[in-house]
């Protein structure tokens, strides 16, 4: 999955979710990449998108990237 800027999304990225706050990318479904605590088999029913964990809302499944989903910082 890519951001609207064309950059590839990576696990651990800190992202801005428009006015809804910020979150951390914990799963990239089509790549089969998931952070510890988010086993792939739990998300096998989803075919595309990304999982983003926020403090304000909790876990969000984004089907596709949009202009409100912006990279703030890469995990170091």
C-alpha atoms as a PDB file:
ATOM      1  CA  UNK A   1       0.000   0.000   0.000  1.00  0.00           C
ATOM      2  CA  UNK A   2       1.260   3.470  -0.850  1.00  0.00           C
ATOM      3  CA  UNK A   3       0.559   6.933   0.458  1.00  0.00           C
ATOM      4  CA  UNK A   4      -0.909   9.402  -2.037  1.00  0.00           C
ATOM      5  CA  UNK A   5       2.645  10.816  -2.379  1.00  0.00           C
ATOM      6  CA  UNK A   6       3.741   7.487  -3.872  1.00  0.00           C
ATOM      7  CA  UNK A   7       5.841   6.441  -0.865  1.00  0.00           C
ATOM      8  CA  UNK A   8       5.473   2.808   0.202  1.00  0.00           C
ATOM      9  CA  UNK A   9       3.788   2.321   3.575  1.00  0.00           C
ATOM     10  CA  UNK A  10       5.906   0.474   6.170  1.00  0.00           C
ATOM     11  CA  UNK A  11       5.183  -1.153   9.509  1.00  0.00           C
ATOM     12  CA  UNK A  12       5.800   1.257  12.352  1.00  0.00           C
ATOM     13  CA  UNK A  13       5.160   4.393  10.296  1.00  0.00           C
ATOM     14  CA  UNK A  14       3.586   7.198  12.305  1.00  0.00           C
ATOM     15  CA  UNK A  15       0.764   8.643  10.235  1.00  0.00           C
ATOM     16  CA  UNK A  16      -1.602  11.605  10.403  1.00  0.00           C
ATOM     17  CA  UNK A  17      -5.271  10.701  10.013  1.00  0.00           C
ATOM     18  CA  UNK A  18      -6.626  14.074   8.990  1.00  0.00           C
ATOM     19  CA  UNK A  19      -8.237  15.808  11.944  1.00  0.00           C
ATOM     20  CA  UNK A  20      -8.727  12.472  13.768  1.00  0.00           C
ATOM     21  CA  UNK A  21      -5.211  12.448  15.223  1.00  0.00           C
ATOM     22  CA  UNK A  22      -2.240  10.212  14.577  1.00  0.00           C
ATOM     23  CA  UNK A  23      -1.567   6.498  14.571  1.00  0.00           C
ATOM     24  CA  UNK A  24       0.971   3.757  13.964  1.00  0.00           C
ATOM     25  CA  UNK A  25       0.822   1.319  11.026  1.00  0.00           C
ATOM     26  CA  UNK A  26       0.559  -2.190  12.550  1.00  0.00           C
ATOM     27  CA  UNK A  27      -0.515  -4.141   9.479  1.00  0.00           C
ATOM     28  CA  UNK A  28      -0.220  -3.985   5.711  1.00  0.00           C
ATOM     29  CA  UNK A  29      -2.716  -6.559   4.506  1.00  0.00           C
ATOM     30  CA  UNK A  30      -1.749  -7.133   0.853  1.00  0.00           C
ATOM     31  CA  UNK A  31       1.941  -7.384   1.803  1.00  0.00           C
ATOM     32  CA  UNK A  32       1.179  -9.868   4.588  1.00  0.00           C
ATOM     33  CA  UNK A  33       3.193  -7.705   7.013  1.00  0.00           C
ATOM     34  CA  UNK A  34       2.001  -7.392  10.602  1.00  0.00           C
ATOM     35  CA  UNK A  35       3.468  -6.099  13.850  1.00  0.00           C
ATOM     36  CA  UNK A  36       3.832  -8.350  16.868  1.00  0.00           C
ATOM     37  CA  UNK A  37       0.441  -8.779  18.511  1.00  0.00           C
ATOM     38  CA  UNK A  38      -1.423  -8.604  15.199  1.00  0.00           C
ATOM     39  CA  UNK A  39      -1.144 -12.140  13.749  1.00  0.00           C
ATOM     40  CA  UNK A  40      -1.828 -12.473  10.017  1.00  0.00           C
ATOM     41  CA  UNK A  41      -4.409 -15.222  10.568  1.00  0.00           C
ATOM     42  CA  UNK A  42      -6.594 -12.776  12.526  1.00  0.00           C
ATOM     43  CA  UNK A  43      -6.825 -10.555   9.451  1.00  0.00           C
ATOM     44  CA  UNK A  44      -6.990 -13.197   6.687  1.00  0.00           C
ATOM     45  CA  UNK A  45     -10.599 -12.255   5.883  1.00  0.00           C
ATOM     46  CA  UNK A  46      -9.416  -8.804   4.731  1.00  0.00           C
ATOM     47  CA  UNK A  47      -7.943  -8.670   1.237  1.00  0.00           C
ATOM     48  CA  UNK A  48      -6.496  -5.182   1.100  1.00  0.00           C
ATOM     49  CA  UNK A  49      -5.620  -2.109   3.114  1.00  0.00           C
ATOM     50  CA  UNK A  50      -3.735  -1.266   6.280  1.00  0.00           C
ATOM     51  CA  UNK A  51      -4.322  -1.482  10.023  1.00  0.00           C
ATOM     52  CA  UNK A  52      -3.565   1.682  11.962  1.00  0.00           C
ATOM     53  CA  UNK A  53      -3.579   1.847  15.752  1.00  0.00           C
ATOM     54  CA  UNK A  54      -4.611   5.173  17.302  1.00  0.00           C
ATOM     55  CA  UNK A  55      -4.939   6.269  20.909  1.00  0.00           C
ATOM     56  CA  UNK A  56      -8.080   8.257  20.192  1.00  0.00           C
ATOM     57  CA  UNK A  57     -10.109   5.707  18.205  1.00  0.00           C
ATOM     58  CA  UNK A  58      -8.334   2.363  18.553  1.00  0.00           C
ATOM     59  CA  UNK A  59      -7.616   0.082  15.594  1.00  0.00           C
ATOM     60  CA  UNK A  60      -8.732   1.333  12.180  1.00  0.00           C
ATOM     61  CA  UNK A  61      -8.792  -0.604   8.902  1.00  0.00           C
ATOM     62  CA  UNK A  62      -8.092   1.667   5.923  1.00  0.00           C
ATOM     63  CA  UNK A  63      -9.148   0.038   2.654  1.00  0.00           C
ATOM     64  CA  UNK A  64      -7.036   2.428   0.607  1.00  0.00           C
ATOM     65  CA  UNK A  65      -4.859   5.447   1.110  1.00  0.00           C
ATOM     66  CA  UNK A  66      -6.392   8.883   0.855  1.00  0.00           C
ATOM     67  CA  UNK A  67      -5.189  12.463   1.171  1.00  0.00           C
ATOM     68  CA  UNK A  68      -5.925  12.541   4.917  1.00  0.00           C
ATOM     69  CA  UNK A  69      -3.577   9.592   5.565  1.00  0.00           C
ATOM     70  CA  UNK A  70      -0.112  11.178   5.598  1.00  0.00           C
ATOM     71  CA  UNK A  71       3.290   9.921   6.694  1.00  0.00           C
ATOM     72  CA  UNK A  72       4.646  11.834   9.696  1.00  0.00           C
ATOM     73  CA  UNK A  73       7.691   9.730  10.571  1.00  0.00           C
ATOM     74  CA  UNK A  74       9.325   6.402   9.741  1.00  0.00           C
ATOM     75  CA  UNK A  75      10.134   3.973  12.544  1.00  0.00           C
ATOM     76  CA  UNK A  76      13.826   4.205  13.358  1.00  0.00           C
END
